[in-house]
Amino acid sequence: MTTPSENPATAPAPDSVPPGPSGAVPSLPAQAPAAPGVPTEVVGTYPDYAMAQQAVDHLSDNKFPVERTAIIGTDLRLVENVLGRLTTGRAALAGAASGAWFGLFVGLLFGLFSDSGWFGVILVCLLIGAAWGAIFGAIAHAATGGRRDFASRSSIVAGQYAVTSDTEVADQARELLIQLNWRASGAQ
């Protein structure tokens, strides 16, 4: 005897969604991927995301079918902004802050089920969490041996943004975006 998952004839495809209780396969417009065979064209390129977003907003305001467009970031690069020097003291302080939040959470849970002195329970858990967080933060920083003595934030930035549209409606999108650029230039 075989189960449905063992029978290759009845096994669902690996990327398919199983049917719901009513027997229908659920699908939301936001989750539906673009049709694989639909060709697209670039209808505009912009130096930053805000301008590309403004272009798509203009298309939407003019009743263009924006579900047939996409904003694609190209020329991606990783940017790491150095925020400052990281010392053992700063690592301990960051650990204390993180531990205090965890201690507050645990204290709230304990305080909800405490018969009396719930504020004291919360305060004690917060202080214990901060102390352990500071200890672990300092130990973790000391364990790096000075190999990374700075704090930073990383982000992925695109060099430019392309607005694409299905080929069938690309000319209409270009005309609307030309109108947007015409108005932005101040021409009458």
N, C-alpha and C. Protein backbone atom coordinates (compact mmCIF):
# COMPACT_ATOMS: atom_id res chain seq x y z
N MET A 1 0.84 -1.18 0.00
CA MET A 1 0.00 0.00 0.00
C MET A 1 0.89 1.25 0.00
N THR A 2 0.54 2.22 -0.82
CA THR A 2 1.32 3.45 -0.90
C THR A 2 0.46 4.62 -0.44
N THR A 3 1.15 5.61 0.10
CA THR A 3 0.46 6.84 0.48
C THR A 3 0.48 7.77 -0.72
N PRO A 4 -0.38 8.79 -0.75
CA PRO A 4 -0.40 9.70 -1.90
C PRO A 4 0.95 10.35 -2.18
N SER A 5 1.75 10.64 -1.14
CA SER A 5 3.03 11.28 -1.39
C SER A 5 4.05 10.33 -1.99
N GLU A 6 3.83 9.02 -1.81
CA GLU A 6 4.77 8.05 -2.38
C GLU A 6 4.42 7.70 -3.82
N ASN A 7 3.18 7.92 -4.24
CA ASN A 7 2.76 7.60 -5.58
C ASN A 7 3.10 8.77 -6.50
N PRO A 8 4.02 8.60 -7.45
CA PRO A 8 4.44 9.72 -8.29
C PRO A 8 3.31 10.25 -9.16
N ALA A 9 2.31 9.44 -9.48
CA ALA A 9 1.23 9.91 -10.34
C ALA A 9 0.34 10.91 -9.62
N THR A 10 0.21 10.81 -8.30
CA THR A 10 -0.67 11.70 -7.56
C THR A 10 0.08 12.71 -6.72
N ALA A 11 1.39 12.66 -6.73
CA ALA A 11 2.18 13.59 -5.92
C ALA A 11 2.08 15.00 -6.51
N PRO A 12 1.86 16.01 -5.67
CA PRO A 12 1.79 17.38 -6.20
C PRO A 12 3.16 17.85 -6.65
N ALA A 13 3.15 18.78 -7.58
CA ALA A 13 4.41 19.36 -8.05
C ALA A 13 5.06 20.07 -6.88
N PRO A 14 6.39 20.11 -6.82
CA PRO A 14 7.08 20.70 -5.67
C PRO A 14 6.76 22.18 -5.45
N ASP A 15 6.45 22.93 -6.52
CA ASP A 15 6.20 24.35 -6.34
C ASP A 15 4.72 24.72 -6.41
N SER A 16 3.82 23.71 -6.42
CA SER A 16 2.40 24.01 -6.50
C SER A 16 1.81 24.18 -5.10
N VAL A 17 0.72 24.92 -5.04
CA VAL A 17 0.02 25.16 -3.78
C VAL A 17 -1.07 24.12 -3.66
N PRO A 18 -1.18 23.42 -2.52
CA PRO A 18 -2.23 22.41 -2.39
C PRO A 18 -3.60 23.07 -2.32
N PRO A 19 -4.64 22.37 -2.76
CA PRO A 19 -5.97 22.96 -2.70
C PRO A 19 -6.43 23.16 -1.27
N GLY A 20 -7.28 24.18 -1.09
CA GLY A 20 -7.84 24.48 0.22
C GLY A 20 -9.01 23.58 0.55
N PRO A 21 -9.73 23.88 1.65
CA PRO A 21 -10.85 23.04 2.08
C PRO A 21 -11.96 22.94 1.04
N SER A 22 -12.15 23.98 0.24
CA SER A 22 -13.22 23.94 -0.77
C SER A 22 -12.78 23.23 -2.04
N GLY A 23 -11.52 22.85 -2.11
CA GLY A 23 -11.00 22.17 -3.29
C GLY A 23 -10.34 23.12 -4.28
N ALA A 24 -10.49 24.42 -4.07
CA ALA A 24 -9.89 25.40 -4.97
C ALA A 24 -8.47 25.73 -4.50
N VAL A 25 -7.63 26.07 -5.44
CA VAL A 25 -6.26 26.46 -5.12
C VAL A 25 -6.26 27.96 -4.81
N PRO A 26 -5.84 28.36 -3.60
CA PRO A 26 -5.86 29.79 -3.26
C PRO A 26 -4.83 30.56 -4.07
N SER A 27 -5.21 31.79 -4.43
CA SER A 27 -4.30 32.65 -5.17
C SER A 27 -4.64 34.09 -4.86
N LEU A 28 -3.65 34.87 -4.48
CA LEU A 28 -3.83 36.29 -4.23
C LEU A 28 -3.12 37.06 -5.32
N PRO A 29 -3.68 38.18 -5.78
CA PRO A 29 -3.02 38.93 -6.85
C PRO A 29 -1.59 39.34 -6.51
N ALA A 30 -1.34 39.71 -5.24
CA ALA A 30 0.00 40.15 -4.87
C ALA A 30 1.01 39.01 -4.90
N GLN A 31 0.51 37.76 -4.77
CA GLN A 31 1.41 36.62 -4.75
C GLN A 31 1.56 35.98 -6.12
N ALA A 32 0.70 36.34 -7.06
CA ALA A 32 0.76 35.73 -8.37
C ALA A 32 1.98 36.27 -9.12
N PRO A 33 2.91 35.40 -9.51
CA PRO A 33 4.08 35.88 -10.25
C PRO A 33 3.69 36.31 -11.65
N ALA A 34 4.52 37.12 -12.27
CA ALA A 34 4.27 37.54 -13.64
C ALA A 34 4.27 36.31 -14.54
N ALA A 35 3.45 36.38 -15.56
CA ALA A 35 3.37 35.25 -16.48
C ALA A 35 4.75 35.03 -17.08
N PRO A 36 5.22 33.77 -17.11
CA PRO A 36 6.59 33.52 -17.52
C PRO A 36 6.90 33.90 -18.97
N GLY A 37 5.91 33.84 -19.86
CA GLY A 37 6.18 34.11 -21.26
C GLY A 37 5.87 35.53 -21.69
N VAL A 38 5.49 36.41 -20.76
CA VAL A 38 5.10 37.77 -21.12
C VAL A 38 6.35 38.64 -21.23
N PRO A 39 6.64 39.15 -22.43
CA PRO A 39 7.81 40.02 -22.57
C PRO A 39 7.54 41.41 -21.99
N THR A 40 8.57 42.01 -21.44
CA THR A 40 8.45 43.35 -20.88
C THR A 40 9.46 44.28 -21.55
N GLU A 41 9.19 45.58 -21.46
CA GLU A 41 10.08 46.59 -22.01
C GLU A 41 10.33 47.65 -20.95
N VAL A 42 11.51 48.24 -20.99
CA VAL A 42 11.82 49.34 -20.09
C VAL A 42 11.13 50.58 -20.66
N VAL A 43 10.32 51.23 -19.82
CA VAL A 43 9.62 52.44 -20.25
C VAL A 43 10.22 53.70 -19.63
N GLY A 44 11.11 53.55 -18.67
CA GLY A 44 11.77 54.70 -18.06
C GLY A 44 12.84 54.25 -17.09
N THR A 45 13.90 55.03 -16.97
CA THR A 45 14.94 54.75 -15.97
C THR A 45 15.11 56.00 -15.12
N TYR A 46 15.40 55.78 -13.84
CA TYR A 46 15.47 56.87 -12.87
C TYR A 46 16.66 56.66 -11.95
N PRO A 47 17.27 57.76 -11.49
CA PRO A 47 18.46 57.64 -10.65
C PRO A 47 18.17 57.20 -9.22
N ASP A 48 16.93 57.39 -8.75
CA ASP A 48 16.61 56.95 -7.39
C ASP A 48 15.21 56.35 -7.34
N TYR A 49 14.97 55.61 -6.26
CA TYR A 49 13.71 54.88 -6.13
C TYR A 49 12.51 55.81 -6.04
N ALA A 50 12.66 56.95 -5.38
CA ALA A 50 11.53 57.87 -5.22
C ALA A 50 11.01 58.35 -6.57
N MET A 51 11.90 58.59 -7.51
CA MET A 51 11.46 59.04 -8.84
C MET A 51 10.76 57.92 -9.60
N ALA A 52 11.27 56.69 -9.47
CA ALA A 52 10.62 55.55 -10.12
C ALA A 52 9.23 55.33 -9.51
N GLN A 53 9.15 55.47 -8.21
CA GLN A 53 7.86 55.32 -7.53
C GLN A 53 6.90 56.42 -7.97
N GLN A 54 7.38 57.64 -8.15
CA GLN A 54 6.55 58.74 -8.62
C GLN A 54 6.04 58.45 -10.03
N ALA A 55 6.87 57.86 -10.87
CA ALA A 55 6.46 57.52 -12.23
C ALA A 55 5.33 56.50 -12.21
N VAL A 56 5.46 55.45 -11.41
CA VAL A 56 4.41 54.43 -11.33
C VAL A 56 3.14 55.03 -10.71
N ASP A 57 3.31 55.93 -9.75
CA ASP A 57 2.15 56.60 -9.16
C ASP A 57 1.43 57.44 -10.20
N HIS A 58 2.19 58.11 -11.07
CA HIS A 58 1.58 58.90 -12.16
C HIS A 58 0.81 57.98 -13.11
N LEU A 59 1.39 56.82 -13.41
CA LEU A 59 0.67 55.86 -14.26
C LEU A 59 -0.64 55.43 -13.61
N SER A 60 -0.59 55.17 -12.31
CA SER A 60 -1.78 54.75 -11.58
C SER A 60 -2.84 55.85 -11.57
N ASP A 61 -2.40 57.10 -11.35
CA ASP A 61 -3.34 58.22 -11.33
C ASP A 61 -4.06 58.40 -12.67
N ASN A 62 -3.42 57.95 -13.76
CA ASN A 62 -4.00 58.06 -15.09
C ASN A 62 -4.66 56.76 -15.55
N LYS A 63 -5.06 55.94 -14.60
CA LYS A 63 -5.82 54.70 -14.86
C LYS A 63 -5.07 53.69 -15.71
N PHE A 64 -3.73 53.74 -15.65
CA PHE A 64 -2.92 52.74 -16.36
C PHE A 64 -2.93 51.46 -15.55
N PRO A 65 -2.95 50.28 -16.18
CA PRO A 65 -2.94 49.01 -15.42
C PRO A 65 -1.57 48.74 -14.79
N VAL A 66 -1.35 49.32 -13.61
CA VAL A 66 -0.03 49.25 -12.97
C VAL A 66 0.34 47.83 -12.54
N GLU A 67 -0.62 46.91 -12.50
CA GLU A 67 -0.27 45.53 -12.18
C GLU A 67 0.56 44.89 -13.29
N ARG A 68 0.70 45.60 -14.40
CA ARG A 68 1.51 45.11 -15.51
C ARG A 68 2.86 45.83 -15.58
N THR A 69 3.25 46.48 -14.47
CA THR A 69 4.53 47.18 -14.41
C THR A 69 5.38 46.61 -13.28
N ALA A 70 6.65 46.97 -13.29
CA ALA A 70 7.57 46.58 -12.22
C ALA A 70 8.65 47.65 -12.11
N ILE A 71 9.17 47.81 -10.89
CA ILE A 71 10.33 48.68 -10.66
C ILE A 71 11.50 47.75 -10.37
N ILE A 72 12.53 47.85 -11.17
CA ILE A 72 13.67 46.94 -11.06
C ILE A 72 14.93 47.76 -10.77
N GLY A 73 15.55 47.48 -9.65
CA GLY A 73 16.82 48.12 -9.30
C GLY A 73 17.96 47.40 -10.01
N THR A 74 18.84 48.16 -10.66
CA THR A 74 19.98 47.57 -11.36
C THR A 74 21.27 48.16 -10.82
N ASP A 75 22.37 47.58 -11.21
CA ASP A 75 23.70 48.00 -10.74
C ASP A 75 23.76 47.99 -9.22
N LEU A 76 23.41 46.85 -8.63
CA LEU A 76 23.36 46.73 -7.18
C LEU A 76 24.76 46.73 -6.58
N ARG A 77 24.86 47.36 -5.41
CA ARG A 77 26.13 47.35 -4.68
C ARG A 77 25.83 47.34 -3.19
N LEU A 78 26.74 46.76 -2.44
CA LEU A 78 26.61 46.71 -0.99
C LEU A 78 27.33 47.91 -0.41
N VAL A 79 26.61 48.67 0.42
CA VAL A 79 27.19 49.84 1.07
C VAL A 79 27.17 49.58 2.57
N GLU A 80 28.34 49.67 3.20
CA GLU A 80 28.44 49.49 4.64
C GLU A 80 28.88 50.81 5.25
N ASN A 81 27.96 51.43 5.99
CA ASN A 81 28.26 52.69 6.66
C ASN A 81 28.81 52.40 8.04
N VAL A 82 30.00 52.91 8.33
CA VAL A 82 30.62 52.73 9.64
C VAL A 82 30.01 53.75 10.59
N LEU A 83 29.44 53.26 11.68
CA LEU A 83 28.75 54.12 12.63
C LEU A 83 29.66 54.63 13.74
N GLY A 84 30.72 53.90 14.02
CA GLY A 84 31.63 54.34 15.07
C GLY A 84 32.48 53.20 15.58
N ARG A 85 33.38 53.56 16.47
CA ARG A 85 34.28 52.60 17.09
C ARG A 85 33.51 51.75 18.09
N LEU A 86 33.80 50.47 18.13
CA LEU A 86 33.14 49.55 19.05
C LEU A 86 34.15 49.12 20.11
N THR A 87 33.91 49.54 21.33
CA THR A 87 34.77 49.16 22.45
C THR A 87 34.05 48.10 23.27
N THR A 88 34.76 47.51 24.21
CA THR A 88 34.13 46.51 25.09
C THR A 88 33.00 47.15 25.89
N GLY A 89 33.19 48.39 26.32
CA GLY A 89 32.14 49.10 27.06
C GLY A 89 30.89 49.31 26.22
N ARG A 90 31.07 49.71 24.97
CA ARG A 90 29.91 49.91 24.10
C ARG A 90 29.23 48.59 23.78
N ALA A 91 30.01 47.53 23.60
CA ALA A 91 29.42 46.21 23.36
C ALA A 91 28.63 45.76 24.58
N ALA A 92 29.17 46.02 25.77
CA ALA A 92 28.45 45.66 27.00
C ALA A 92 27.17 46.49 27.13
N LEU A 93 27.23 47.76 26.77
CA LEU A 93 26.05 48.62 26.84
C LEU A 93 24.97 48.15 25.87
N ALA A 94 25.37 47.79 24.67
CA ALA A 94 24.40 47.28 23.69
C ALA A 94 23.81 45.96 24.17
N GLY A 95 24.63 45.10 24.74
CA GLY A 95 24.15 43.85 25.30
C GLY A 95 23.20 44.08 26.46
N ALA A 96 23.49 45.08 27.28
CA ALA A 96 22.62 45.39 28.42
C ALA A 96 21.25 45.86 27.92
N ALA A 97 21.24 46.68 26.90
CA ALA A 97 19.97 47.15 26.35
C ALA A 97 19.15 45.99 25.79
N SER A 98 19.82 45.12 25.06
CA SER A 98 19.13 43.96 24.50
C SER A 98 18.63 43.03 25.61
N GLY A 99 19.46 42.79 26.59
CA GLY A 99 19.08 41.94 27.72
C GLY A 99 17.96 42.55 28.54
N ALA A 100 17.94 43.89 28.65
CA ALA A 100 16.88 44.55 29.40
C ALA A 100 15.52 44.35 28.72
N TRP A 101 15.50 44.42 27.39
CA TRP A 101 14.24 44.17 26.68
C TRP A 101 13.76 42.75 26.92
N PHE A 102 14.68 41.79 26.85
CA PHE A 102 14.30 40.39 27.11
C PHE A 102 13.84 40.23 28.55
N GLY A 103 14.54 40.85 29.49
CA GLY A 103 14.16 40.78 30.89
C GLY A 103 12.79 41.41 31.12
N LEU A 104 12.51 42.51 30.45
CA LEU A 104 11.19 43.14 30.56
C LEU A 104 10.10 42.20 30.07
N PHE A 105 10.35 41.53 28.97
CA PHE A 105 9.38 40.57 28.43
C PHE A 105 9.12 39.44 29.42
N VAL A 106 10.19 38.85 29.94
CA VAL A 106 10.05 37.76 30.91
C VAL A 106 9.37 38.28 32.18
N GLY A 107 9.74 39.48 32.61
CA GLY A 107 9.13 40.08 33.79
C GLY A 107 7.64 40.31 33.60
N LEU A 108 7.24 40.75 32.42
CA LEU A 108 5.81 40.93 32.15
C LEU A 108 5.07 39.60 32.22
N LEU A 109 5.68 38.56 31.67
CA LEU A 109 5.04 37.23 31.74
C LEU A 109 4.92 36.76 33.19
N PHE A 110 6.00 36.89 33.94
CA PHE A 110 5.95 36.50 35.36
C PHE A 110 5.00 37.40 36.14
N GLY A 111 5.01 38.69 35.84
CA GLY A 111 4.16 39.64 36.56
C GLY A 111 2.68 39.41 36.33
N LEU A 112 2.33 38.93 35.15
CA LEU A 112 0.91 38.65 34.87
C LEU A 112 0.37 37.54 35.76
N PHE A 113 1.20 36.59 36.10
CA PHE A 113 0.75 35.45 36.88
C PHE A 113 1.19 35.50 38.34
N SER A 114 1.67 36.66 38.78
CA SER A 114 2.11 36.83 40.16
C SER A 114 0.93 37.30 41.01
N ASP A 115 0.90 36.81 42.24
CA ASP A 115 -0.18 37.20 43.14
C ASP A 115 0.02 38.61 43.68
N SER A 116 1.26 39.00 43.90
CA SER A 116 1.50 40.34 44.45
C SER A 116 2.86 40.84 44.00
N GLY A 117 3.02 42.13 44.05
CA GLY A 117 4.31 42.73 43.73
C GLY A 117 4.70 42.57 42.28
N TRP A 118 3.76 42.71 41.35
CA TRP A 118 4.08 42.49 39.94
C TRP A 118 5.09 43.50 39.42
N PHE A 119 5.07 44.74 39.94
CA PHE A 119 6.03 45.74 39.51
C PHE A 119 7.45 45.36 39.93
N GLY A 120 7.58 44.81 41.12
CA GLY A 120 8.89 44.36 41.60
C GLY A 120 9.42 43.21 40.76
N VAL A 121 8.54 42.30 40.37
CA VAL A 121 8.94 41.17 39.52
C VAL A 121 9.46 41.68 38.18
N ILE A 122 8.74 42.64 37.61
CA ILE A 122 9.16 43.20 36.32
C ILE A 122 10.52 43.89 36.46
N LEU A 123 10.69 44.68 37.51
CA LEU A 123 11.94 45.41 37.72
C LEU A 123 13.13 44.47 37.92
N VAL A 124 12.93 43.42 38.74
CA VAL A 124 14.01 42.47 38.99
C VAL A 124 14.39 41.74 37.70
N CYS A 125 13.40 41.30 36.92
CA CYS A 125 13.69 40.60 35.66
C CYS A 125 14.40 41.52 34.68
N LEU A 126 14.00 42.79 34.65
CA LEU A 126 14.64 43.75 33.76
C LEU A 126 16.11 43.93 34.15
N LEU A 127 16.39 44.07 35.43
CA LEU A 127 17.78 44.26 35.88
C LEU A 127 18.62 43.02 35.65
N ILE A 128 18.05 41.84 35.92
CA ILE A 128 18.79 40.59 35.67
C ILE A 128 19.08 40.44 34.17
N GLY A 129 18.09 40.74 33.33
CA GLY A 129 18.30 40.66 31.87
C GLY A 129 19.37 41.62 31.41
N ALA A 130 19.37 42.84 31.95
CA ALA A 130 20.39 43.83 31.57
C ALA A 130 21.78 43.37 31.99
N ALA A 131 21.89 42.82 33.19
CA ALA A 131 23.20 42.36 33.68
C ALA A 131 23.73 41.22 32.82
N TRP A 132 22.91 40.22 32.55
CA TRP A 132 23.37 39.11 31.72
C TRP A 132 23.65 39.56 30.29
N GLY A 133 22.85 40.48 29.77
CA GLY A 133 23.11 41.00 28.43
C GLY A 133 24.44 41.72 28.36
N ALA A 134 24.75 42.51 29.39
CA ALA A 134 26.02 43.22 29.42
C ALA A 134 27.20 42.24 29.50
N ILE A 135 27.06 41.22 30.30
CA ILE A 135 28.13 40.21 30.42
C ILE A 135 28.36 39.52 29.09
N PHE A 136 27.28 39.05 28.46
CA PHE A 136 27.43 38.34 27.19
C PHE A 136 27.90 39.28 26.08
N GLY A 137 27.47 40.54 26.08
CA GLY A 137 27.94 41.50 25.08
C GLY A 137 29.43 41.74 25.19
N ALA A 138 29.92 41.91 26.43
CA ALA A 138 31.35 42.14 26.64
C ALA A 138 32.16 40.91 26.26
N ILE A 139 31.69 39.73 26.65
CA ILE A 139 32.42 38.49 26.32
C ILE A 139 32.45 38.28 24.81
N ALA A 140 31.33 38.51 24.15
CA ALA A 140 31.28 38.31 22.69
C ALA A 140 32.24 39.26 21.98
N HIS A 141 32.31 40.50 22.43
CA HIS A 141 33.24 41.46 21.80
C HIS A 141 34.69 41.07 22.08
N ALA A 142 34.98 40.67 23.31
CA ALA A 142 36.35 40.28 23.66
C ALA A 142 36.77 39.04 22.87
N ALA A 143 35.82 38.17 22.55
CA ALA A 143 36.14 36.94 21.82
C ALA A 143 36.57 37.21 20.38
N THR A 144 36.21 38.38 19.83
CA THR A 144 36.63 38.68 18.46
C THR A 144 38.11 39.02 18.37
N GLY A 145 38.74 39.34 19.49
CA GLY A 145 40.17 39.61 19.50
C GLY A 145 40.55 40.88 18.75
N GLY A 146 39.64 41.84 18.65
CA GLY A 146 39.95 43.10 17.99
C GLY A 146 39.88 43.05 16.47
N ARG A 147 39.35 41.98 15.91
CA ARG A 147 39.29 41.87 14.46
C ARG A 147 38.23 42.78 13.85
N ARG A 148 37.23 43.14 14.60
CA ARG A 148 36.17 44.02 14.07
C ARG A 148 35.77 44.99 15.18
N ASP A 149 36.54 46.04 15.32
CA ASP A 149 36.32 47.01 16.39
C ASP A 149 35.52 48.23 15.91
N PHE A 150 34.51 48.00 15.11
CA PHE A 150 33.65 49.09 14.68
C PHE A 150 32.24 48.58 14.48
N ALA A 151 31.28 49.48 14.64
CA ALA A 151 29.87 49.16 14.40
C ALA A 151 29.51 49.71 13.03
N SER A 152 28.69 48.97 12.29
CA SER A 152 28.32 49.42 10.96
C SER A 152 26.91 48.96 10.62
N ARG A 153 26.39 49.55 9.55
CA ARG A 153 25.08 49.17 9.03
C ARG A 153 25.25 48.93 7.54
N SER A 154 24.79 47.79 7.06
CA SER A 154 24.91 47.44 5.65
C SER A 154 23.57 47.63 4.95
N SER A 155 23.65 48.02 3.69
CA SER A 155 22.45 48.13 2.87
C SER A 155 22.83 47.87 1.43
N ILE A 156 21.86 47.39 0.67
CA ILE A 156 22.07 47.17 -0.76
C ILE A 156 21.41 48.34 -1.49
N VAL A 157 22.19 48.99 -2.34
CA VAL A 157 21.73 50.18 -3.04
C VAL A 157 21.81 49.93 -4.54
N ALA A 158 20.78 50.37 -5.26
CA ALA A 158 20.78 50.23 -6.71
C ALA A 158 21.34 51.50 -7.33
N GLY A 159 22.07 51.35 -8.43
CA GLY A 159 22.61 52.49 -9.14
C GLY A 159 21.54 53.24 -9.90
N GLN A 160 20.56 52.53 -10.42
CA GLN A 160 19.43 53.15 -11.10
C GLN A 160 18.23 52.22 -11.02
N TYR A 161 17.07 52.76 -11.32
CA TYR A 161 15.83 52.00 -11.23
C TYR A 161 15.12 52.08 -12.58
N ALA A 162 14.76 50.92 -13.09
CA ALA A 162 14.06 50.85 -14.36
C ALA A 162 12.60 50.52 -14.11
N VAL A 163 11.70 51.24 -14.76
CA VAL A 163 10.28 50.92 -14.73
C VAL A 163 10.00 50.14 -15.99
N THR A 164 9.51 48.92 -15.82
CA THR A 164 9.21 48.07 -16.97
C THR A 164 7.71 47.86 -17.05
N SER A 165 7.26 47.52 -18.24
CA SER A 165 5.84 47.26 -18.48
C SER A 165 5.72 46.16 -19.52
N ASP A 166 4.57 45.48 -19.52
CA ASP A 166 4.31 44.49 -20.56
C ASP A 166 4.38 45.16 -21.92
N THR A 167 4.86 44.45 -22.92
CA THR A 167 5.05 45.00 -24.26
C THR A 167 3.74 45.56 -24.82
N GLU A 168 2.62 44.91 -24.53
CA GLU A 168 1.33 45.33 -25.07
C GLU A 168 0.95 46.75 -24.65
N VAL A 169 1.34 47.17 -23.46
CA VAL A 169 0.94 48.48 -22.94
C VAL A 169 2.14 49.41 -22.75
N ALA A 170 3.30 49.04 -23.26
CA ALA A 170 4.51 49.83 -23.05
C ALA A 170 4.42 51.20 -23.71
N ASP A 171 3.85 51.28 -24.91
CA ASP A 171 3.74 52.58 -25.58
C ASP A 171 2.84 53.54 -24.80
N GLN A 172 1.74 53.03 -24.28
CA GLN A 172 0.85 53.85 -23.48
C GLN A 172 1.57 54.36 -22.22
N ALA A 173 2.36 53.49 -21.58
CA ALA A 173 3.11 53.90 -20.40
C ALA A 173 4.13 54.98 -20.75
N ARG A 174 4.83 54.83 -21.86
CA ARG A 174 5.81 55.83 -22.28
C ARG A 174 5.15 57.19 -22.51
N GLU A 175 3.98 57.19 -23.17
CA GLU A 175 3.27 58.45 -23.41
C GLU A 175 2.91 59.14 -22.10
N LEU A 176 2.42 58.38 -21.14
CA LEU A 176 2.06 58.96 -19.85
C LEU A 176 3.29 59.48 -19.11
N LEU A 177 4.40 58.76 -19.20
CA LEU A 177 5.61 59.21 -18.52
C LEU A 177 6.22 60.43 -19.21
N ILE A 178 6.04 60.56 -20.52
CA ILE A 178 6.48 61.76 -21.22
C ILE A 178 5.69 62.96 -20.72
N GLN A 179 4.37 62.76 -20.51
CA GLN A 179 3.54 63.84 -19.95
C GLN A 179 4.04 64.24 -18.56
N LEU A 180 4.41 63.25 -17.75
CA LEU A 180 4.93 63.54 -16.41
C LEU A 180 6.21 64.37 -16.51
N ASN A 181 7.12 63.99 -17.37
CA ASN A 181 8.37 64.73 -17.53
C ASN A 181 8.12 66.12 -18.10
N TRP A 182 7.14 66.25 -18.98
CA TRP A 182 6.79 67.54 -19.56
C TRP A 182 6.30 68.49 -18.46
N ARG A 183 5.43 67.98 -17.57
CA ARG A 183 4.93 68.80 -16.47
C ARG A 183 6.03 69.14 -15.47
N ALA A 184 6.91 68.20 -15.20
CA ALA A 184 7.99 68.42 -14.23
C ALA A 184 8.97 69.48 -14.73
N SER A 185 9.11 69.60 -16.05
CA SER A 185 10.05 70.58 -16.60
C SER A 185 9.52 72.00 -16.51
N GLY A 186 8.22 72.16 -16.23
CA GLY A 186 7.62 73.49 -16.12
C GLY A 186 7.12 74.01 -17.45
N ALA A 187 7.17 73.20 -18.49
CA ALA A 187 6.69 73.63 -19.80
C ALA A 187 5.16 73.71 -19.79
N GLN A 188 4.63 74.58 -20.63
CA GLN A 188 3.16 74.73 -20.71
C GLN A 188 2.63 74.09 -21.97
